[in-house]
C-alpha atoms as a PDB file:
ATOM      1  CA  UNK A   1       0.000   0.000   0.000  1.00  0.00           C
ATOM      2  CA  UNK A   2       1.342   3.457  -0.950  1.00  0.00           C
ATOM      3  CA  UNK A   3       2.363   5.764   1.859  1.00  0.00           C
ATOM      4  CA  UNK A   4      -0.403   8.175   2.743  1.00  0.00           C
ATOM      5  CA  UNK A   5      -0.081  11.853   1.857  1.00  0.00           C
ATOM      6  CA  UNK A   6      -0.119  14.236   4.789  1.00  0.00           C
ATOM      7  CA  UNK A   7      -2.726  16.975   5.105  1.00  0.00           C
ATOM      8  CA  UNK A   8      -1.588  19.636   7.591  1.00  0.00           C
ATOM      9  CA  UNK A   9      -4.597  21.229   9.268  1.00  0.00           C
ATOM     10  CA  UNK A  10      -4.385  24.673  10.864  1.00  0.00           C
ATOM     11  CA  UNK A  11      -7.006  25.236  13.558  1.00  0.00           C
ATOM     12  CA  UNK A  12      -7.268  21.501  14.136  1.00  0.00           C
ATOM     13  CA  UNK A  13      -8.787  21.795  17.604  1.00  0.00           C
ATOM     14  CA  UNK A  14     -11.583  24.052  16.337  1.00  0.00           C
ATOM     15  CA  UNK A  15     -14.840  23.034  14.682  1.00  0.00           C
ATOM     16  CA  UNK A  16     -13.790  23.394  11.032  1.00  0.00           C
ATOM     17  CA  UNK A  17     -10.253  22.074  11.265  1.00  0.00           C
ATOM     18  CA  UNK A  18     -11.338  19.376  13.666  1.00  0.00           C
ATOM     19  CA  UNK A  19     -14.004  18.304  11.190  1.00  0.00           C
ATOM     20  CA  UNK A  20     -11.333  17.893   8.525  1.00  0.00           C
ATOM     21  CA  UNK A  21      -9.019  15.923  10.810  1.00  0.00           C
ATOM     22  CA  UNK A  22     -11.865  13.608  11.834  1.00  0.00           C
ATOM     23  CA  UNK A  23     -12.898  13.135   8.192  1.00  0.00           C
ATOM     24  CA  UNK A  24      -9.353  12.141   7.230  1.00  0.00           C
ATOM     25  CA  UNK A  25      -8.809   9.668  10.054  1.00  0.00           C
ATOM     26  CA  UNK A  26     -12.287   8.169   9.602  1.00  0.00           C
ATOM     27  CA  UNK A  27     -11.455   7.261   6.000  1.00  0.00           C
ATOM     28  CA  UNK A  28      -9.204   4.328   6.878  1.00  0.00           C
ATOM     29  CA  UNK A  29      -8.669   3.330   3.260  1.00  0.00           C
ATOM     30  CA  UNK A  30      -8.278   6.894   2.003  1.00  0.00           C
ATOM     31  CA  UNK A  31      -5.116   8.391   0.532  1.00  0.00           C
ATOM     32  CA  UNK A  32      -4.421  10.922   3.300  1.00  0.00           C
ATOM     33  CA  UNK A  33      -3.100  11.132   6.851  1.00  0.00           C
ATOM     34  CA  UNK A  34      -3.930  14.003   9.207  1.00  0.00           C
ATOM     35  CA  UNK A  35      -1.411  16.328  10.810  1.00  0.00           C
ATOM     36  CA  UNK A  36      -3.217  18.453  13.391  1.00  0.00           C
ATOM     37  CA  UNK A  37      -1.572  21.855  13.892  1.00  0.00           C
ATOM     38  CA  UNK A  38      -2.264  23.670  17.140  1.00  0.00           C
ATOM     39  CA  UNK A  39      -0.630  26.173  19.446  1.00  0.00           C
ATOM     40  CA  UNK A  40      -1.497  23.902  22.373  1.00  0.00           C
ATOM     41  CA  UNK A  41      -0.570  20.275  21.648  1.00  0.00           C
ATOM     42  CA  UNK A  42      -0.939  19.535  25.336  1.00  0.00           C
ATOM     43  CA  UNK A  43      -4.636  20.474  25.354  1.00  0.00           C
ATOM     44  CA  UNK A  44      -7.322  17.850  25.813  1.00  0.00           C
ATOM     45  CA  UNK A  45      -8.723  18.565  22.347  1.00  0.00           C
ATOM     46  CA  UNK A  46      -5.314  17.952  20.789  1.00  0.00           C
ATOM     47  CA  UNK A  47      -4.869  14.747  22.781  1.00  0.00           C
ATOM     48  CA  UNK A  48      -8.291  13.575  21.598  1.00  0.00           C
ATOM     49  CA  UNK A  49      -7.202  14.027  17.971  1.00  0.00           C
ATOM     50  CA  UNK A  50      -4.007  12.099  18.683  1.00  0.00           C
ATOM     51  CA  UNK A  51      -6.064   9.243  20.108  1.00  0.00           C
ATOM     52  CA  UNK A  52      -7.997   9.143  16.837  1.00  0.00           C
ATOM     53  CA  UNK A  53      -4.747   8.635  14.942  1.00  0.00           C
ATOM     54  CA  UNK A  54      -3.750  12.173  13.943  1.00  0.00           C
ATOM     55  CA  UNK A  55      -0.194  13.446  14.224  1.00  0.00           C
ATOM     56  CA  UNK A  56      -0.222  16.527  16.475  1.00  0.00           C
ATOM     57  CA  UNK A  57       2.294  19.306  15.771  1.00  0.00           C
ATOM     58  CA  UNK A  58       2.795  22.662  17.487  1.00  0.00           C
ATOM     59  CA  UNK A  59       2.791  25.845  15.377  1.00  0.00           C
ATOM     60  CA  UNK A  60       1.428  29.375  15.504  1.00  0.00           C
ATOM     61  CA  UNK A  61       0.010  31.345  12.572  1.00  0.00           C
ATOM     62  CA  UNK A  62       1.816  34.420  13.916  1.00  0.00           C
ATOM     63  CA  UNK A  63       5.141  32.557  13.526  1.00  0.00           C
ATOM     64  CA  UNK A  64       6.011  31.751   9.899  1.00  0.00           C
ATOM     65  CA  UNK A  65       9.025  29.625  10.804  1.00  0.00           C
ATOM     66  CA  UNK A  66       6.909  27.371  13.013  1.00  0.00           C
ATOM     67  CA  UNK A  67       4.477  26.954  10.117  1.00  0.00           C
ATOM     68  CA  UNK A  68       7.256  26.000   7.705  1.00  0.00           C
ATOM     69  CA  UNK A  69       8.271  23.214  10.087  1.00  0.00           C
ATOM     70  CA  UNK A  70       4.675  22.113  10.562  1.00  0.00           C
ATOM     71  CA  UNK A  71       4.033  22.043   6.789  1.00  0.00           C
ATOM     72  CA  UNK A  72       7.282  20.206   5.976  1.00  0.00           C
ATOM     73  CA  UNK A  73       6.593  17.022   4.041  1.00  0.00           C
ATOM     74  CA  UNK A  74       2.878  17.735   3.730  1.00  0.00           C
ATOM     75  CA  UNK A  75       0.978  17.232   0.482  1.00  0.00           C
ATOM     76  CA  UNK A  76      -1.855  19.576   1.490  1.00  0.00           C
ATOM     77  CA  UNK A  77      -2.485  22.378   3.961  1.00  0.00           C
ATOM     78  CA  UNK A  78      -5.774  23.674   5.315  1.00  0.00           C
ATOM     79  CA  UNK A  79      -5.310  27.337   6.246  1.00  0.00           C
ATOM     80  CA  UNK A  80      -7.681  29.446   8.321  1.00  0.00           C
ATOM     81  CA  UNK A  81      -7.737  32.367  10.742  1.00  0.00           C
ATOM     82  CA  UNK A  82      -9.909  33.158  13.754  1.00  0.00           C
ATOM     83  CA  UNK A  83     -10.891  36.831  13.709  1.00  0.00           C
ATOM     84  CA  UNK A  84     -12.958  36.643  16.885  1.00  0.00           C
ATOM     85  CA  UNK A  85      -9.915  35.610  18.882  1.00  0.00           C
ATOM     86  CA  UNK A  86      -8.346  39.073  18.431  1.00  0.00           C
ATOM     87  CA  UNK A  87     -10.777  41.234  16.332  1.00  0.00           C
ATOM     88  CA  UNK A  88      -7.988  42.385  14.008  1.00  0.00           C
ATOM     89  CA  UNK A  89      -8.353  42.037  10.207  1.00  0.00           C
ATOM     90  CA  UNK A  90      -4.783  43.321   9.826  1.00  0.00           C
ATOM     91  CA  UNK A  91      -3.533  40.444  11.945  1.00  0.00           C
ATOM     92  CA  UNK A  92      -5.609  38.033   9.855  1.00  0.00           C
ATOM     93  CA  UNK A  93      -3.912  39.283   6.695  1.00  0.00           C
ATOM     94  CA  UNK A  94      -0.479  38.873   8.300  1.00  0.00           C
ATOM     95  CA  UNK A  95      -1.360  35.354   9.443  1.00  0.00           C
ATOM     96  CA  UNK A  96      -2.632  34.524   5.954  1.00  0.00           C
ATOM     97  CA  UNK A  97       0.637  35.717   4.422  1.00  0.00           C
ATOM     98  CA  UNK A  98       2.591  33.598   6.916  1.00  0.00           C
ATOM     99  CA  UNK A  99       0.607  30.486   5.970  1.00  0.00           C
ATOM    100  CA  UNK A 100       0.702  31.183   2.231  1.00  0.00           C
ATOM    101  CA  UNK A 101       4.466  31.670   2.111  1.00  0.00           C
ATOM    102  CA  UNK A 102       5.165  28.804   4.505  1.00  0.00           C
ATOM    103  CA  UNK A 103       3.116  26.430   2.345  1.00  0.00           C
ATOM    104  CA  UNK A 104       5.013  27.424  -0.776  1.00  0.00           C
ATOM    105  CA  UNK A 105       8.410  27.233   0.921  1.00  0.00           C
ATOM    106  CA  UNK A 106       7.527  23.782   2.285  1.00  0.00           C
ATOM    107  CA  UNK A 107       6.560  22.542  -1.173  1.00  0.00           C
ATOM    108  CA  UNK A 108       2.909  21.882  -0.327  1.00  0.00           C
ATOM    109  CA  UNK A 109       1.060  20.721  -3.451  1.00  0.00           C
ATOM    110  CA  UNK A 110      -2.482  21.902  -2.585  1.00  0.00           C
ATOM    111  CA  UNK A 111      -3.683  24.588  -0.181  1.00  0.00           C
ATOM    112  CA  UNK A 112      -7.242  25.266   0.948  1.00  0.00           C
ATOM    113  CA  UNK A 113      -7.682  28.841   2.183  1.00  0.00           C
ATOM    114  CA  UNK A 114     -10.803  29.368   4.281  1.00  0.00           C
ATOM    115  CA  UNK A 115     -12.036  32.749   3.113  1.00  0.00           C
ATOM    116  CA  UNK A 116     -15.040  35.083   2.962  1.00  0.00           C
ATOM    117  CA  UNK A 117     -16.159  37.927   0.692  1.00  0.00           C
ATOM    118  CA  UNK A 118     -14.235  41.177   0.634  1.00  0.00           C
ATOM    119  CA  UNK A 119     -17.459  43.182   0.944  1.00  0.00           C
ATOM    120  CA  UNK A 120     -15.722  46.344  -0.330  1.00  0.00           C
ATOM    121  CA  UNK A 121     -15.726  44.831  -3.804  1.00  0.00           C
ATOM    122  CA  UNK A 122     -19.521  45.231  -3.836  1.00  0.00           C
ATOM    123  CA  UNK A 123     -20.116  48.212  -1.571  1.00  0.00           C
ATOM    124  CA  UNK A 124     -17.742  51.190  -1.479  1.00  0.00           C
ATOM    125  CA  UNK A 125     -16.471  52.631   1.777  1.00  0.00           C
ATOM    126  CA  UNK A 126     -18.303  55.908   1.066  1.00  0.00           C
ATOM    127  CA  UNK A 127     -21.613  54.084   0.460  1.00  0.00           C
ATOM    128  CA  UNK A 128     -23.815  55.187   3.399  1.00  0.00           C
ATOM    129  CA  UNK A 129     -26.073  52.123   3.332  1.00  0.00           C
ATOM    130  CA  UNK A 130     -23.644  50.256   5.594  1.00  0.00           C
ATOM    131  CA  UNK A 131     -21.504  52.182   8.118  1.00  0.00           C
ATOM    132  CA  UNK A 132     -17.751  52.083   7.533  1.00  0.00           C
ATOM    133  CA  UNK A 133     -15.825  50.654  10.496  1.00  0.00           C
ATOM    134  CA  UNK A 134     -12.258  51.576  11.524  1.00  0.00           C
ATOM    135  CA  UNK A 135     -12.085  53.880   8.512  1.00  0.00           C
ATOM    136  CA  UNK A 136     -11.460  51.106   5.973  1.00  0.00           C
ATOM    137  CA  UNK A 137     -13.820  48.155   6.432  1.00  0.00           C
ATOM    138  CA  UNK A 138     -17.495  47.356   6.059  1.00  0.00           C
ATOM    139  CA  UNK A 139     -17.381  43.860   7.604  1.00  0.00           C
ATOM    140  CA  UNK A 140     -13.882  43.458   9.091  1.00  0.00           C
ATOM    141  CA  UNK A 141     -13.994  39.689   9.616  1.00  0.00           C
ATOM    142  CA  UNK A 142     -15.066  39.241   5.986  1.00  0.00           C
ATOM    143  CA  UNK A 143     -12.859  41.898   4.431  1.00  0.00           C
ATOM    144  CA  UNK A 144      -9.534  40.791   5.905  1.00  0.00           C
ATOM    145  CA  UNK A 145     -10.013  37.214   4.702  1.00  0.00           C
ATOM    146  CA  UNK A 146     -11.173  38.381   1.272  1.00  0.00           C
ATOM    147  CA  UNK A 147      -8.200  40.719   0.996  1.00  0.00           C
ATOM    148  CA  UNK A 148      -5.895  37.777   1.681  1.00  0.00           C
ATOM    149  CA  UNK A 149      -7.232  35.875  -1.357  1.00  0.00           C
ATOM    150  CA  UNK A 150      -4.718  37.751  -3.504  1.00  0.00           C
ATOM    151  CA  UNK A 151      -1.871  36.679  -1.237  1.00  0.00           C
ATOM    152  CA  UNK A 152      -2.667  33.009  -1.731  1.00  0.00           C
ATOM    153  CA  UNK A 153      -3.118  33.534  -5.485  1.00  0.00           C
ATOM    154  CA  UNK A 154       0.203  35.322  -5.864  1.00  0.00           C
ATOM    155  CA  UNK A 155       2.459  33.923  -3.160  1.00  0.00           C
ATOM    156  CA  UNK A 156       1.393  30.382  -2.315  1.00  0.00           C
ATOM    157  CA  UNK A 157       1.019  26.874  -3.686  1.00  0.00           C
ATOM    158  CA  UNK A 158      -2.006  25.995  -5.867  1.00  0.00           C
ATOM    159  CA  UNK A 159      -4.958  27.085  -3.777  1.00  0.00           C
ATOM    160  CA  UNK A 160      -8.685  26.423  -3.485  1.00  0.00           C
ATOM    161  CA  UNK A 161     -10.627  29.210  -1.773  1.00  0.00           C
ATOM    162  CA  UNK A 162     -13.299  27.718   0.475  1.00  0.00           C
ATOM    163  CA  UNK A 163     -16.079  29.973   1.759  1.00  0.00           C
ATOM    164  CA  UNK A 164     -18.889  28.750   3.965  1.00  0.00           C
ATOM    165  CA  UNK A 165     -22.247  29.883   5.248  1.00  0.00           C
ATOM    166  CA  UNK A 166     -22.909  30.962   8.832  1.00  0.00           C
ATOM    167  CA  UNK A 167     -22.546  28.173  11.364  1.00  0.00           C
ATOM    168  CA  UNK A 168     -25.669  26.829  13.028  1.00  0.00           C
ATOM    169  CA  UNK A 169     -23.289  25.989  15.886  1.00  0.00           C
ATOM    170  CA  UNK A 170     -23.357  29.722  16.751  1.00  0.00           C
ATOM    171  CA  UNK A 171     -26.739  29.019  18.346  1.00  0.00           C
ATOM    172  CA  UNK A 172     -24.719  27.047  20.904  1.00  0.00           C
ATOM    173  CA  UNK A 173     -21.351  28.781  21.124  1.00  0.00           C
ATOM    174  CA  UNK A 174     -22.312  32.446  20.826  1.00  0.00           C
ATOM    175  CA  UNK A 175     -25.699  32.450  22.481  1.00  0.00           C
ATOM    176  CA  UNK A 176     -27.548  33.505  19.342  1.00  0.00           C
ATOM    177  CA  UNK A 177     -30.314  30.955  19.827  1.00  0.00           C
ATOM    178  CA  UNK A 178     -33.861  31.681  21.024  1.00  0.00           C
ATOM    179  CA  UNK A 179     -34.474  33.581  24.259  1.00  0.00           C
ATOM    180  CA  UNK A 180     -37.554  33.770  26.451  1.00  0.00           C
ATOM    181  CA  UNK A 181     -39.597  36.934  26.113  1.00  0.00           C
ATOM    182  CA  UNK A 182     -41.454  38.642  28.948  1.00  0.00           C
ATOM    183  CA  UNK A 183     -44.418  36.347  28.303  1.00  0.00           C
ATOM    184  CA  UNK A 184     -42.252  33.234  28.629  1.00  0.00           C
ATOM    185  CA  UNK A 185     -42.338  32.241  24.956  1.00  0.00           C
ATOM    186  CA  UNK A 186     -39.194  31.679  22.924  1.00  0.00           C
ATOM    187  CA  UNK A 187     -38.077  34.307  20.412  1.00  0.00           C
ATOM    188  CA  UNK A 188     -35.302  33.984  17.833  1.00  0.00           C
ATOM    189  CA  UNK A 189     -34.078  37.515  17.166  1.00  0.00           C
ATOM    190  CA  UNK A 190     -31.396  38.846  14.821  1.00  0.00           C
ATOM    191  CA  UNK A 191     -31.226  41.212  11.851  1.00  0.00           C
ATOM    192  CA  UNK A 192     -32.013  39.645   8.481  1.00  0.00           C
ATOM    193  CA  UNK A 193     -33.822  42.501   6.756  1.00  0.00           C
ATOM    194  CA  UNK A 194     -36.283  40.018   5.325  1.00  0.00           C
ATOM    195  CA  UNK A 195     -33.489  38.065   3.620  1.00  0.00           C
ATOM    196  CA  UNK A 196     -32.731  34.365   3.527  1.00  0.00           C
ATOM    197  CA  UNK A 197     -29.704  33.098   5.449  1.00  0.00           C
ATOM    198  CA  UNK A 198     -27.405  30.303   4.261  1.00  0.00           C
ATOM    199  CA  UNK A 199     -26.279  28.077   7.117  1.00  0.00           C
ATOM    200  CA  UNK A 200     -24.141  25.005   7.678  1.00  0.00           C
ATOM    201  CA  UNK A 201     -22.963  22.685  10.441  1.00  0.00           C
ATOM    202  CA  UNK A 202     -19.376  23.663  11.296  1.00  0.00           C
ATOM    203  CA  UNK A 203     -18.283  20.013  11.189  1.00  0.00           C
ATOM    204  CA  UNK A 204     -19.453  19.822   7.582  1.00  0.00           C
ATOM    205  CA  UNK A 205     -17.029  22.553   6.527  1.00  0.00           C
ATOM    206  CA  UNK A 206     -14.151  20.237   7.368  1.00  0.00           C
ATOM    207  CA  UNK A 207     -15.826  17.324   5.616  1.00  0.00           C
ATOM    208  CA  UNK A 208     -16.287  19.433   2.481  1.00  0.00           C
ATOM    209  CA  UNK A 209     -12.626  20.452   2.686  1.00  0.00           C
ATOM    210  CA  UNK A 210     -11.752  16.770   2.701  1.00  0.00           C
ATOM    211  CA  UNK A 211     -13.816  16.353  -0.464  1.00  0.00           C
ATOM    212  CA  UNK A 212     -11.817  19.163  -2.081  1.00  0.00           C
ATOM    213  CA  UNK A 213      -8.507  17.516  -1.205  1.00  0.00           C
ATOM    214  CA  UNK A 214      -9.859  14.261  -2.636  1.00  0.00           C
ATOM    215  CA  UNK A 215     -10.626  16.011  -5.932  1.00  0.00           C
ATOM    216  CA  UNK A 216      -7.151  17.484  -6.036  1.00  0.00           C
ATOM    217  CA  UNK A 217      -5.932  19.291  -9.129  1.00  0.00           C
ATOM    218  CA  UNK A 218      -9.385  19.960 -10.587  1.00  0.00           C
ATOM    219  CA  UNK A 219      -9.981  22.330  -7.645  1.00  0.00           C
ATOM    220  CA  UNK A 220      -6.794  24.374  -8.076  1.00  0.00           C
ATOM    221  CA  UNK A 221      -7.542  28.081  -8.469  1.00  0.00           C
ATOM    222  CA  UNK A 222     -11.260  27.653  -7.824  1.00  0.00           C
ATOM    223  CA  UNK A 223     -13.590  29.108  -5.227  1.00  0.00           C
ATOM    224  CA  UNK A 224     -15.928  26.668  -3.517  1.00  0.00           C
ATOM    225  CA  UNK A 225     -18.843  28.266  -1.656  1.00  0.00           C
ATOM    226  CA  UNK A 226     -20.785  25.839   0.534  1.00  0.00           C
ATOM    227  CA  UNK A 227     -23.990  25.780   2.586  1.00  0.00           C
ATOM    228  CA  UNK A 228     -26.088  23.088   4.216  1.00  0.00           C
ATOM    229  CA  UNK A 229     -29.407  24.862   3.670  1.00  0.00           C
ATOM    230  CA  UNK A 230     -30.735  28.355   2.952  1.00  0.00           C
ATOM    231  CA  UNK A 231     -33.605  29.446   5.214  1.00  0.00           C
ATOM    232  CA  UNK A 232     -35.699  32.432   6.222  1.00  0.00           C
ATOM    233  CA  UNK A 233     -35.871  33.537   9.833  1.00  0.00           C
ATOM    234  CA  UNK A 234     -39.369  32.093  10.145  1.00  0.00           C
ATOM    235  CA  UNK A 235     -38.179  28.751   8.748  1.00  0.00           C
ATOM    236  CA  UNK A 236     -35.340  28.621  11.284  1.00  0.00           C
ATOM    237  CA  UNK A 237     -37.768  29.440  14.092  1.00  0.00           C
ATOM    238  CA  UNK A 238     -40.137  26.697  12.926  1.00  0.00           C
ATOM    239  CA  UNK A 239     -37.284  24.178  12.842  1.00  0.00           C
ATOM    240  CA  UNK A 240     -36.207  25.162  16.342  1.00  0.00           C
ATOM    241  CA  UNK A 241     -39.799  24.870  17.559  1.00  0.00           C
ATOM    242  CA  UNK A 242     -40.071  21.303  16.275  1.00  0.00           C
ATOM    243  CA  UNK A 243     -36.724  20.336  17.800  1.00  0.00           C
ATOM    244  CA  UNK A 244     -37.324  22.022  21.165  1.00  0.00           C
ATOM    245  CA  UNK A 245     -40.939  20.954  21.460  1.00  0.00           C
ATOM    246  CA  UNK A 246     -42.387  24.423  22.059  1.00  0.00           C
ATOM    247  CA  UNK A 247     -43.301  27.471  19.978  1.00  0.00           C
ATOM    248  CA  UNK A 248     -40.498  29.726  18.708  1.00  0.00           C
ATOM    249  CA  UNK A 249     -41.198  32.985  16.876  1.00  0.00           C
ATOM    250  CA  UNK A 250     -38.782  35.053  14.810  1.00  0.00           C
ATOM    251  CA  UNK A 251     -38.151  38.777  15.254  1.00  0.00           C
ATOM    252  CA  UNK A 252     -36.266  40.558  12.478  1.00  0.00           C
ATOM    253  CA  UNK A 253     -34.258  43.122  14.480  1.00  0.00           C
ATOM    254  CA  UNK A 254     -33.527  46.417  12.651  1.00  0.00           C
ATOM    255  CA  UNK A 255     -29.868  46.662  11.692  1.00  0.00           C
ATOM    256  CA  UNK A 256     -29.288  49.932  13.569  1.00  0.00           C
ATOM    257  CA  UNK A 257     -30.894  48.518  16.711  1.00  0.00           C
ATOM    258  CA  UNK A 258     -28.614  45.483  16.591  1.00  0.00           C
ATOM    259  CA  UNK A 259     -25.565  47.712  15.989  1.00  0.00           C
ATOM    260  CA  UNK A 260     -26.405  49.540  19.192  1.00  0.00           C
ATOM    261  CA  UNK A 261     -26.590  46.475  21.444  1.00  0.00           C
ATOM    262  CA  UNK A 262     -23.059  47.115  22.684  1.00  0.00           C
ATOM    263  CA  UNK A 263     -21.553  43.641  22.847  1.00  0.00           C
ATOM    264  CA  UNK A 264     -18.107  43.096  21.243  1.00  0.00           C
ATOM    265  CA  UNK A 265     -18.567  42.779  17.486  1.00  0.00           C
ATOM    266  CA  UNK A 266     -22.200  43.989  17.436  1.00  0.00           C
ATOM    267  CA  UNK A 267     -21.537  46.644  14.788  1.00  0.00           C
ATOM    268  CA  UNK A 268     -19.761  44.349  12.403  1.00  0.00           C
ATOM    269  CA  UNK A 269     -22.221  41.472  12.893  1.00  0.00           C
ATOM    270  CA  UNK A 270     -25.047  43.875  12.010  1.00  0.00           C
ATOM    271  CA  UNK A 271     -23.046  45.048   8.995  1.00  0.00           C
ATOM    272  CA  UNK A 272     -22.535  41.431   7.943  1.00  0.00           C
ATOM    273  CA  UNK A 273     -26.255  40.693   8.019  1.00  0.00           C
ATOM    274  CA  UNK A 274     -27.011  43.954   6.197  1.00  0.00           C
ATOM    275  CA  UNK A 275     -24.478  43.126   3.481  1.00  0.00           C
ATOM    276  CA  UNK A 276     -26.057  39.711   3.065  1.00  0.00           C
ATOM    277  CA  UNK A 277     -29.510  41.311   2.862  1.00  0.00           C
ATOM    278  CA  UNK A 278     -28.576  43.955   0.278  1.00  0.00           C
ATOM    279  CA  UNK A 279     -26.912  41.376  -1.956  1.00  0.00           C
ATOM    280  CA  UNK A 280     -29.052  38.435  -0.899  1.00  0.00           C
ATOM    281  CA  UNK A 281     -29.601  36.812  -4.282  1.00  0.00           C
ATOM    282  CA  UNK A 282     -25.916  36.942  -5.188  1.00  0.00           C
ATOM    283  CA  UNK A 283     -24.806  35.942  -1.700  1.00  0.00           C
ATOM    284  CA  UNK A 284     -27.104  32.916  -1.544  1.00  0.00           C
ATOM    285  CA  UNK A 285     -26.113  31.864  -5.063  1.00  0.00           C
ATOM    286  CA  UNK A 286     -22.439  31.927  -4.074  1.00  0.00           C
ATOM    287  CA  UNK A 287     -23.000  29.294  -1.355  1.00  0.00           C
ATOM    288  CA  UNK A 288     -24.002  26.132  -3.163  1.00  0.00           C
ATOM    289  CA  UNK A 289     -25.845  23.367  -1.296  1.00  0.00           C
ATOM    290  CA  UNK A 290     -25.494  20.980  -4.238  1.00  0.00           C
ATOM    291  CA  UNK A 291     -21.735  21.523  -4.410  1.00  0.00           C
ATOM    292  CA  UNK A 292     -21.436  20.975  -0.656  1.00  0.00           C
ATOM    293  CA  UNK A 293     -23.371  17.700  -0.931  1.00  0.00           C
ATOM    294  CA  UNK A 294     -21.191  16.522  -3.812  1.00  0.00           C
ATOM    295  CA  UNK A 295     -18.102  17.138  -1.661  1.00  0.00           C
ATOM    296  CA  UNK A 296     -19.711  15.655   1.452  1.00  0.00           C
ATOM    297  CA  UNK A 297     -22.552  13.220   0.726  1.00  0.00           C
ATOM    298  CA  UNK A 298     -23.509  13.212   4.420  1.00  0.00           C
ATOM    299  CA  UNK A 299     -24.132  16.971   4.431  1.00  0.00           C
ATOM    300  CA  UNK A 300     -26.547  17.920   7.210  1.00  0.00           C
ATOM    301  CA  UNK A 301     -29.708  19.953   6.760  1.00  0.00           C
ATOM    302  CA  UNK A 302     -30.850  22.267   9.567  1.00  0.00           C
ATOM    303  CA  UNK A 303     -33.268  19.527  10.635  1.00  0.00           C
ATOM    304  CA  UNK A 304     -30.439  16.982  10.739  1.00  0.00           C
ATOM    305  CA  UNK A 305     -28.211  19.313  12.745  1.00  0.00           C
ATOM    306  CA  UNK A 306     -30.967  20.061  15.232  1.00  0.00           C
ATOM    307  CA  UNK A 307     -31.551  16.343  15.685  1.00  0.00           C
ATOM    308  CA  UNK A 308     -27.995  16.075  17.000  1.00  0.00           C
ATOM    309  CA  UNK A 309     -27.496  19.429  18.696  1.00  0.00           C
ATOM    310  CA  UNK A 310     -30.811  20.925  19.842  1.00  0.00           C
ATOM    311  CA  UNK A 311     -30.211  19.782  23.425  1.00  0.00           C
ATOM    312  CA  UNK A 312     -27.000  21.813  23.566  1.00  0.00           C
ATOM    313  CA  UNK A 313     -28.609  25.145  22.639  1.00  0.00           C
ATOM    314  CA  UNK A 314     -28.742  27.351  25.757  1.00  0.00           C
ATOM    315  CA  UNK A 315     -32.193  28.840  26.221  1.00  0.00           C
ATOM    316  CA  UNK A 316     -32.036  32.285  27.841  1.00  0.00           C
END
């Protein structure tokens, strides 16, 4: 049997990277082996990946030299950044450049860069429909990743740009699920502006990435936008109601009201939803459920995800 090709996975202890690592090690007869890259190889999450059969390697996206060592001998590299760890798009761009150059210097044959839209390509900074933040962004956690697309195109190994829909897991991790109103009933509330919202299970992002690595060269230079399902706010509320066993209504919060809520990231999250609403047809079309299912035949619908995760959603 031929020696397996190594896929080095940045963010391996997170939902997306962890999904990719688990997909690789679950495919016992597949062509790849997983190298889980983390800043904290001693963590319980890293040890759990090692128990599954992944190689665990320490590296930091702020340290290019550590990435070169971690990518050494790898066939593929899954590259991502975590904006909400530091709230700095400039740092994301620097981290992206570190990964892009390290992958090329290490001779990696195929890179997947986890990206999002640079919203400024559709809406100018002086366009008053969406407030400009920090003087040069509309949606910082989108724009930094989108800006880095050019870095991977110009400075890295052959790259597939992977963009995904919003994670349904945010209902669990970020407390964006339904809350009890003053009358005791559950209300799902966020700003959609009447638009539809593409969503996906975070684990499925990694599984789709595995499908891209399996396809190999045919995915070089392409952008793959993926979603598990595209739903209205009312449809999400109805799904939650069925899963939770009690009524859930949806309230479409005005964008300016949401911007004023005051929690870290409120302004840019409101901007993100407003961008998606203004360009809803194009945005939804760019995140392809059929493509996602072709990459990952076990792609979950919202109903499927709720069947597994509804009990973990904190109800305020």
